[in-house]
Amino acid sequence: MKKKSKIILLIIALIVVSAVIVGFVVLRSIESNLEELTRMTFADINLDEIPNGSYFGSFSTFPVAAEVEAVIRNQEIVEVIILKHNHGRGGDAEVVSDRVVASQSMRVDTVSGDTYSSIVILKAIENALADYLL
């Protein structure tokens, strides 16, 4: 085999090995981010102190992100609008915003199979109302 061909094969092998290593590191980072989500807790909201208005919040942890608008009227959460939700396959989690409105609390069940997206949406709502947490 010619010397030039050997060098090309070596370069290709190095590129493949590097890609595998980078892929492994990225995968571990994603797993770590998602595992951290499952350990998060939610604060109670003091609805008695929140003035009427719209409050915006966001939360992200790669690969999931959400931006929301929480609408407060007469010390009640009347609507949570999901402005942006990068979720992969977690689109069904968006119903968690309706659960927050129905219960007037952040302590709601996540959507089975879409737990990570559910938590990210809840954290975005929590961040929107962060000034009024108990």
N, C-alpha and C. Protein backbone atom coordinates (compact mmCIF):
# COMPACT_ATOMS: atom_id res chain seq x y z
N MET A 1 0.85 -1.16 0.00
CA MET A 1 0.00 0.00 0.00
C MET A 1 0.90 1.23 0.00
N LYS A 2 0.50 2.19 -0.75
CA LYS A 2 1.31 3.40 -0.86
C LYS A 2 1.25 4.19 0.44
N LYS A 3 2.30 4.93 0.69
CA LYS A 3 2.41 5.72 1.90
C LYS A 3 1.28 6.75 1.99
N LYS A 4 0.91 7.35 0.87
CA LYS A 4 -0.15 8.36 0.84
C LYS A 4 -1.49 7.73 1.24
N SER A 5 -1.77 6.51 0.78
CA SER A 5 -3.01 5.81 1.12
C SER A 5 -3.06 5.48 2.61
N LYS A 6 -1.93 5.08 3.17
CA LYS A 6 -1.87 4.78 4.60
C LYS A 6 -2.15 6.02 5.44
N ILE A 7 -1.61 7.15 5.02
CA ILE A 7 -1.83 8.40 5.74
C ILE A 7 -3.30 8.79 5.67
N ILE A 8 -3.92 8.64 4.51
CA ILE A 8 -5.34 8.96 4.36
C ILE A 8 -6.19 8.06 5.25
N LEU A 9 -5.88 6.76 5.29
CA LEU A 9 -6.62 5.84 6.14
C LEU A 9 -6.45 6.18 7.62
N LEU A 10 -5.24 6.57 8.00
CA LEU A 10 -4.99 6.96 9.38
C LEU A 10 -5.79 8.21 9.75
N ILE A 11 -5.83 9.17 8.87
CA ILE A 11 -6.61 10.40 9.11
C ILE A 11 -8.09 10.06 9.25
N ILE A 12 -8.60 9.21 8.37
CA ILE A 12 -10.01 8.80 8.44
C ILE A 12 -10.29 8.08 9.76
N ALA A 13 -9.40 7.21 10.17
CA ALA A 13 -9.57 6.48 11.43
C ALA A 13 -9.59 7.45 12.61
N LEU A 14 -8.70 8.43 12.59
CA LEU A 14 -8.66 9.43 13.66
C LEU A 14 -9.95 10.25 13.70
N ILE A 15 -10.47 10.59 12.55
CA ILE A 15 -11.72 11.35 12.48
C ILE A 15 -12.87 10.52 13.05
N VAL A 16 -12.95 9.25 12.70
CA VAL A 16 -14.01 8.37 13.19
C VAL A 16 -13.90 8.21 14.71
N VAL A 17 -12.71 7.96 15.21
CA VAL A 17 -12.52 7.81 16.65
C VAL A 17 -12.90 9.11 17.38
N SER A 18 -12.49 10.24 16.83
CA SER A 18 -12.83 11.53 17.44
C SER A 18 -14.34 11.74 17.46
N ALA A 19 -15.02 11.40 16.37
CA ALA A 19 -16.47 11.56 16.31
C ALA A 19 -17.16 10.69 17.35
N VAL A 20 -16.68 9.47 17.54
CA VAL A 20 -17.26 8.57 18.54
C VAL A 20 -17.06 9.15 19.94
N ILE A 21 -15.89 9.66 20.22
CA ILE A 21 -15.61 10.24 21.54
C ILE A 21 -16.49 11.45 21.79
N VAL A 22 -16.58 12.33 20.81
CA VAL A 22 -17.42 13.53 20.95
C VAL A 22 -18.88 13.13 21.15
N GLY A 23 -19.35 12.16 20.37
CA GLY A 23 -20.72 11.68 20.52
C GLY A 23 -20.99 11.14 21.90
N PHE A 24 -20.06 10.39 22.45
CA PHE A 24 -20.20 9.84 23.79
C PHE A 24 -20.27 10.95 24.83
N VAL A 25 -19.42 11.96 24.71
CA VAL A 25 -19.40 13.07 25.66
C VAL A 25 -20.72 13.85 25.59
N VAL A 26 -21.22 14.10 24.40
CA VAL A 26 -22.49 14.81 24.24
C VAL A 26 -23.63 13.99 24.84
N LEU A 27 -23.66 12.71 24.57
CA LEU A 27 -24.71 11.84 25.11
C LEU A 27 -24.68 11.83 26.63
N ARG A 28 -23.52 11.73 27.23
CA ARG A 28 -23.41 11.76 28.70
C ARG A 28 -23.88 13.09 29.26
N SER A 29 -23.59 14.18 28.56
CA SER A 29 -24.03 15.50 29.00
C SER A 29 -25.55 15.60 28.98
N ILE A 30 -26.17 15.10 27.93
CA ILE A 30 -27.63 15.11 27.83
C ILE A 30 -28.23 14.26 28.94
N GLU A 31 -27.70 13.08 29.15
CA GLU A 31 -28.21 12.20 30.22
C GLU A 31 -28.09 12.87 31.58
N SER A 32 -26.98 13.54 31.82
CA SER A 32 -26.78 14.23 33.09
C SER A 32 -27.79 15.35 33.27
N ASN A 33 -28.02 16.14 32.22
CA ASN A 33 -28.99 17.23 32.28
C ASN A 33 -30.39 16.71 32.59
N LEU A 34 -30.78 15.64 31.91
CA LEU A 34 -32.12 15.10 32.10
C LEU A 34 -32.28 14.46 33.48
N GLU A 35 -31.24 13.80 33.95
CA GLU A 35 -31.28 13.22 35.30
C GLU A 35 -31.45 14.31 36.35
N GLU A 36 -30.77 15.43 36.16
CA GLU A 36 -30.87 16.55 37.09
C GLU A 36 -32.30 17.08 37.16
N LEU A 37 -33.01 17.05 36.04
CA LEU A 37 -34.40 17.50 36.02
C LEU A 37 -35.26 16.71 37.00
N THR A 38 -35.04 15.42 37.07
CA THR A 38 -35.89 14.57 37.92
C THR A 38 -35.69 14.85 39.40
N ARG A 39 -34.62 15.53 39.76
CA ARG A 39 -34.37 15.86 41.17
C ARG A 39 -34.87 17.26 41.55
N MET A 40 -35.41 17.99 40.60
CA MET A 40 -35.87 19.35 40.87
C MET A 40 -37.18 19.35 41.65
N THR A 41 -37.34 20.37 42.47
CA THR A 41 -38.58 20.57 43.22
C THR A 41 -39.20 21.89 42.79
N PHE A 42 -40.44 22.09 43.19
CA PHE A 42 -41.15 23.31 42.81
C PHE A 42 -41.61 24.04 44.05
N ALA A 43 -41.48 25.35 44.01
CA ALA A 43 -41.91 26.19 45.12
C ALA A 43 -43.40 26.47 45.01
N ASP A 44 -44.01 26.81 46.14
CA ASP A 44 -45.39 27.25 46.13
C ASP A 44 -45.43 28.71 45.68
N ILE A 45 -46.54 29.08 45.10
CA ILE A 45 -46.72 30.45 44.61
C ILE A 45 -47.70 31.16 45.52
N ASN A 46 -47.37 32.39 45.90
CA ASN A 46 -48.27 33.19 46.71
C ASN A 46 -49.16 34.01 45.79
N LEU A 47 -50.26 33.41 45.37
CA LEU A 47 -51.16 34.07 44.41
C LEU A 47 -51.80 35.33 44.98
N ASP A 48 -51.91 35.43 46.30
CA ASP A 48 -52.53 36.60 46.92
C ASP A 48 -51.74 37.88 46.67
N GLU A 49 -50.47 37.74 46.33
CA GLU A 49 -49.63 38.93 46.17
C GLU A 49 -49.32 39.28 44.72
N ILE A 50 -49.80 38.50 43.79
CA ILE A 50 -49.45 38.75 42.39
C ILE A 50 -50.45 39.72 41.75
N PRO A 51 -49.96 40.85 41.28
CA PRO A 51 -50.85 41.79 40.59
C PRO A 51 -51.33 41.22 39.26
N ASN A 52 -52.47 41.71 38.81
CA ASN A 52 -52.96 41.32 37.49
C ASN A 52 -51.90 41.62 36.44
N GLY A 53 -51.79 40.74 35.46
CA GLY A 53 -50.84 40.98 34.38
C GLY A 53 -50.34 39.70 33.77
N SER A 54 -49.44 39.87 32.82
CA SER A 54 -48.80 38.75 32.15
C SER A 54 -47.35 38.68 32.61
N TYR A 55 -46.92 37.48 32.90
CA TYR A 55 -45.58 37.25 33.41
C TYR A 55 -44.89 36.22 32.51
N PHE A 56 -43.68 36.53 32.12
CA PHE A 56 -42.96 35.70 31.17
C PHE A 56 -41.80 34.99 31.86
N GLY A 57 -41.62 33.73 31.50
CA GLY A 57 -40.52 32.97 32.07
C GLY A 57 -40.03 31.92 31.09
N SER A 58 -38.84 31.46 31.35
CA SER A 58 -38.26 30.42 30.49
C SER A 58 -37.38 29.51 31.33
N PHE A 59 -37.14 28.35 30.77
CA PHE A 59 -36.23 27.40 31.40
C PHE A 59 -35.72 26.48 30.31
N SER A 60 -34.46 26.13 30.40
CA SER A 60 -33.92 25.18 29.42
C SER A 60 -32.79 24.37 30.04
N THR A 61 -32.72 23.18 29.59
CA THR A 61 -31.60 22.30 29.87
C THR A 61 -31.48 21.43 28.63
N PHE A 62 -30.36 21.46 28.01
CA PHE A 62 -30.21 20.77 26.73
C PHE A 62 -30.62 19.32 26.87
N PRO A 63 -31.52 18.85 26.08
CA PRO A 63 -32.04 19.34 24.81
C PRO A 63 -33.47 19.89 24.87
N VAL A 64 -33.99 20.21 26.07
CA VAL A 64 -35.38 20.65 26.21
C VAL A 64 -35.40 22.11 26.67
N ALA A 65 -36.34 22.92 26.10
CA ALA A 65 -36.46 24.32 26.49
C ALA A 65 -37.91 24.76 26.35
N ALA A 66 -38.30 25.73 27.19
CA ALA A 66 -39.66 26.26 27.11
C ALA A 66 -39.67 27.73 27.50
N GLU A 67 -40.56 28.47 26.86
CA GLU A 67 -40.86 29.86 27.22
C GLU A 67 -42.36 29.95 27.38
N VAL A 68 -42.80 30.61 28.46
CA VAL A 68 -44.23 30.68 28.75
C VAL A 68 -44.65 32.09 29.12
N GLU A 69 -45.95 32.31 29.03
CA GLU A 69 -46.58 33.52 29.54
C GLU A 69 -47.66 33.06 30.52
N ALA A 70 -47.57 33.52 31.76
CA ALA A 70 -48.58 33.20 32.77
C ALA A 70 -49.44 34.44 32.97
N VAL A 71 -50.74 34.28 32.79
CA VAL A 71 -51.66 35.40 32.91
C VAL A 71 -52.36 35.30 34.26
N ILE A 72 -52.24 36.37 35.05
CA ILE A 72 -52.82 36.42 36.39
C ILE A 72 -53.93 37.46 36.40
N ARG A 73 -55.07 37.05 36.95
CA ARG A 73 -56.19 37.97 37.09
C ARG A 73 -56.89 37.66 38.41
N ASN A 74 -57.05 38.67 39.25
CA ASN A 74 -57.73 38.53 40.55
C ASN A 74 -57.14 37.39 41.38
N GLN A 75 -55.83 37.38 41.50
CA GLN A 75 -55.08 36.41 42.30
C GLN A 75 -55.29 34.97 41.84
N GLU A 76 -55.54 34.78 40.57
CA GLU A 76 -55.65 33.44 39.99
C GLU A 76 -54.82 33.35 38.72
N ILE A 77 -54.29 32.17 38.48
CA ILE A 77 -53.64 31.90 37.20
C ILE A 77 -54.77 31.55 36.24
N VAL A 78 -55.05 32.44 35.30
CA VAL A 78 -56.18 32.20 34.40
C VAL A 78 -55.76 31.52 33.11
N GLU A 79 -54.45 31.64 32.80
CA GLU A 79 -53.98 31.02 31.56
C GLU A 79 -52.47 30.91 31.60
N VAL A 80 -51.97 29.83 31.04
CA VAL A 80 -50.54 29.69 30.80
C VAL A 80 -50.38 29.39 29.32
N ILE A 81 -49.71 30.29 28.64
CA ILE A 81 -49.51 30.15 27.20
C ILE A 81 -48.08 29.69 26.96
N ILE A 82 -47.94 28.62 26.24
CA ILE A 82 -46.60 28.14 25.89
C ILE A 82 -46.18 28.84 24.61
N LEU A 83 -45.20 29.72 24.74
CA LEU A 83 -44.73 30.51 23.61
C LEU A 83 -43.74 29.74 22.75
N LYS A 84 -42.95 28.91 23.40
CA LYS A 84 -41.92 28.14 22.70
C LYS A 84 -41.67 26.87 23.50
N HIS A 85 -41.54 25.76 22.78
CA HIS A 85 -41.26 24.50 23.47
C HIS A 85 -40.44 23.61 22.55
N ASN A 86 -39.16 23.54 22.79
CA ASN A 86 -38.28 22.62 22.06
C ASN A 86 -38.27 21.33 22.86
N HIS A 87 -38.81 20.27 22.29
CA HIS A 87 -39.09 19.11 23.12
C HIS A 87 -38.76 17.77 22.52
N GLY A 88 -38.32 17.69 21.30
CA GLY A 88 -38.13 16.37 20.72
C GLY A 88 -39.47 15.67 20.64
N ARG A 89 -39.65 14.60 21.40
CA ARG A 89 -40.91 13.86 21.38
C ARG A 89 -41.81 14.21 22.55
N GLY A 90 -41.52 15.29 23.29
CA GLY A 90 -42.28 15.61 24.50
C GLY A 90 -43.39 16.61 24.32
N GLY A 91 -43.97 16.68 23.13
CA GLY A 91 -45.03 17.65 22.86
C GLY A 91 -46.28 17.47 23.69
N ASP A 92 -46.59 16.24 24.09
CA ASP A 92 -47.78 16.00 24.90
C ASP A 92 -47.68 16.63 26.28
N ALA A 93 -46.49 16.98 26.70
CA ALA A 93 -46.29 17.57 28.03
C ALA A 93 -46.94 18.94 28.16
N GLU A 94 -47.31 19.55 27.07
CA GLU A 94 -47.88 20.90 27.13
C GLU A 94 -49.17 20.96 27.92
N VAL A 95 -49.85 19.83 28.13
CA VAL A 95 -51.07 19.82 28.95
C VAL A 95 -50.78 20.14 30.40
N VAL A 96 -49.52 20.07 30.80
CA VAL A 96 -49.18 20.38 32.19
C VAL A 96 -49.54 21.83 32.51
N SER A 97 -49.52 22.70 31.53
CA SER A 97 -49.91 24.10 31.78
C SER A 97 -51.38 24.20 32.17
N ASP A 98 -52.23 23.38 31.56
CA ASP A 98 -53.65 23.34 31.93
C ASP A 98 -53.82 22.82 33.36
N ARG A 99 -52.99 21.89 33.75
CA ARG A 99 -53.05 21.34 35.11
C ARG A 99 -52.70 22.40 36.15
N VAL A 100 -51.73 23.26 35.81
CA VAL A 100 -51.35 24.35 36.71
C VAL A 100 -52.53 25.31 36.88
N VAL A 101 -53.19 25.65 35.79
CA VAL A 101 -54.34 26.55 35.86
C VAL A 101 -55.46 25.90 36.68
N ALA A 102 -55.73 24.64 36.43
CA ALA A 102 -56.81 23.95 37.14
C ALA A 102 -56.55 23.85 38.64
N SER A 103 -55.31 23.60 39.01
CA SER A 103 -54.99 23.40 40.43
C SER A 103 -54.51 24.67 41.13
N GLN A 104 -54.16 25.70 40.33
CA GLN A 104 -53.60 26.94 40.88
C GLN A 104 -52.34 26.66 41.69
N SER A 105 -51.56 25.70 41.21
CA SER A 105 -50.36 25.27 41.92
C SER A 105 -49.35 24.70 40.93
N MET A 106 -48.10 24.73 41.33
CA MET A 106 -47.03 24.12 40.54
C MET A 106 -46.91 22.63 40.83
N ARG A 107 -47.55 22.19 41.88
CA ARG A 107 -47.45 20.79 42.30
C ARG A 107 -48.51 19.95 41.60
N VAL A 108 -48.23 19.66 40.35
CA VAL A 108 -49.13 18.86 39.53
C VAL A 108 -48.38 17.65 38.99
N ASP A 109 -49.12 16.66 38.55
CA ASP A 109 -48.50 15.48 37.96
C ASP A 109 -47.89 15.82 36.61
N THR A 110 -46.73 15.26 36.35
CA THR A 110 -46.13 15.40 35.02
C THR A 110 -46.81 14.42 34.07
N VAL A 111 -46.58 14.62 32.80
CA VAL A 111 -47.18 13.76 31.79
C VAL A 111 -46.31 12.52 31.63
N SER A 112 -46.89 11.37 31.83
CA SER A 112 -46.16 10.12 31.72
C SER A 112 -45.57 9.98 30.32
N GLY A 113 -44.30 9.68 30.26
CA GLY A 113 -43.60 9.55 28.99
C GLY A 113 -43.02 10.87 28.50
N ASP A 114 -43.46 11.96 29.09
CA ASP A 114 -42.95 13.30 28.73
C ASP A 114 -42.53 14.05 29.99
N THR A 115 -41.95 13.32 30.92
CA THR A 115 -41.59 13.88 32.21
C THR A 115 -40.63 15.05 32.08
N TYR A 116 -39.60 14.91 31.27
CA TYR A 116 -38.59 15.97 31.17
C TYR A 116 -39.20 17.25 30.62
N SER A 117 -39.99 17.14 29.56
CA SER A 117 -40.65 18.32 29.01
C SER A 117 -41.62 18.92 30.01
N SER A 118 -42.34 18.08 30.74
CA SER A 118 -43.27 18.57 31.76
C SER A 118 -42.53 19.41 32.79
N ILE A 119 -41.41 18.91 33.26
CA ILE A 119 -40.64 19.62 34.29
C ILE A 119 -40.10 20.93 33.75
N VAL A 120 -39.62 20.94 32.53
CA VAL A 120 -39.10 22.17 31.94
C VAL A 120 -40.20 23.23 31.82
N ILE A 121 -41.40 22.83 31.41
CA ILE A 121 -42.52 23.77 31.32
C ILE A 121 -42.87 24.29 32.71
N LEU A 122 -42.93 23.41 33.70
CA LEU A 122 -43.23 23.84 35.07
C LEU A 122 -42.18 24.81 35.59
N LYS A 123 -40.92 24.55 35.30
CA LYS A 123 -39.85 25.46 35.74
C LYS A 123 -39.96 26.81 35.04
N ALA A 124 -40.38 26.82 33.79
CA ALA A 124 -40.57 28.08 33.07
C ALA A 124 -41.70 28.89 33.72
N ILE A 125 -42.79 28.20 34.11
CA ILE A 125 -43.90 28.88 34.80
C ILE A 125 -43.41 29.41 36.14
N GLU A 126 -42.68 28.59 36.87
CA GLU A 126 -42.13 29.00 38.15
C GLU A 126 -41.24 30.24 37.98
N ASN A 127 -40.41 30.25 36.96
CA ASN A 127 -39.53 31.40 36.72
C ASN A 127 -40.32 32.65 36.36
N ALA A 128 -41.45 32.47 35.67
CA ALA A 128 -42.29 33.61 35.32
C ALA A 128 -42.84 34.28 36.59
N LEU A 129 -43.12 33.47 37.59
CA LEU A 129 -43.73 33.97 38.82
C LEU A 129 -42.75 34.00 39.99
N ALA A 130 -41.48 33.97 39.70
CA ALA A 130 -40.42 33.84 40.71
C ALA A 130 -40.47 34.89 41.81
N ASP A 131 -40.91 36.09 41.49
CA ASP A 131 -40.97 37.15 42.51
C ASP A 131 -42.04 36.90 43.56
N TYR A 132 -42.91 35.93 43.31
CA TYR A 132 -44.05 35.70 44.19
C TYR A 132 -44.06 34.28 44.78
N LEU A 133 -42.91 33.68 44.85
CA LEU A 133 -42.81 32.34 45.42
C LEU A 133 -42.79 32.43 46.95
N LEU A 134 -43.35 31.43 47.57
CA LEU A 134 -43.35 31.36 49.03
C LEU A 134 -42.03 30.84 49.54
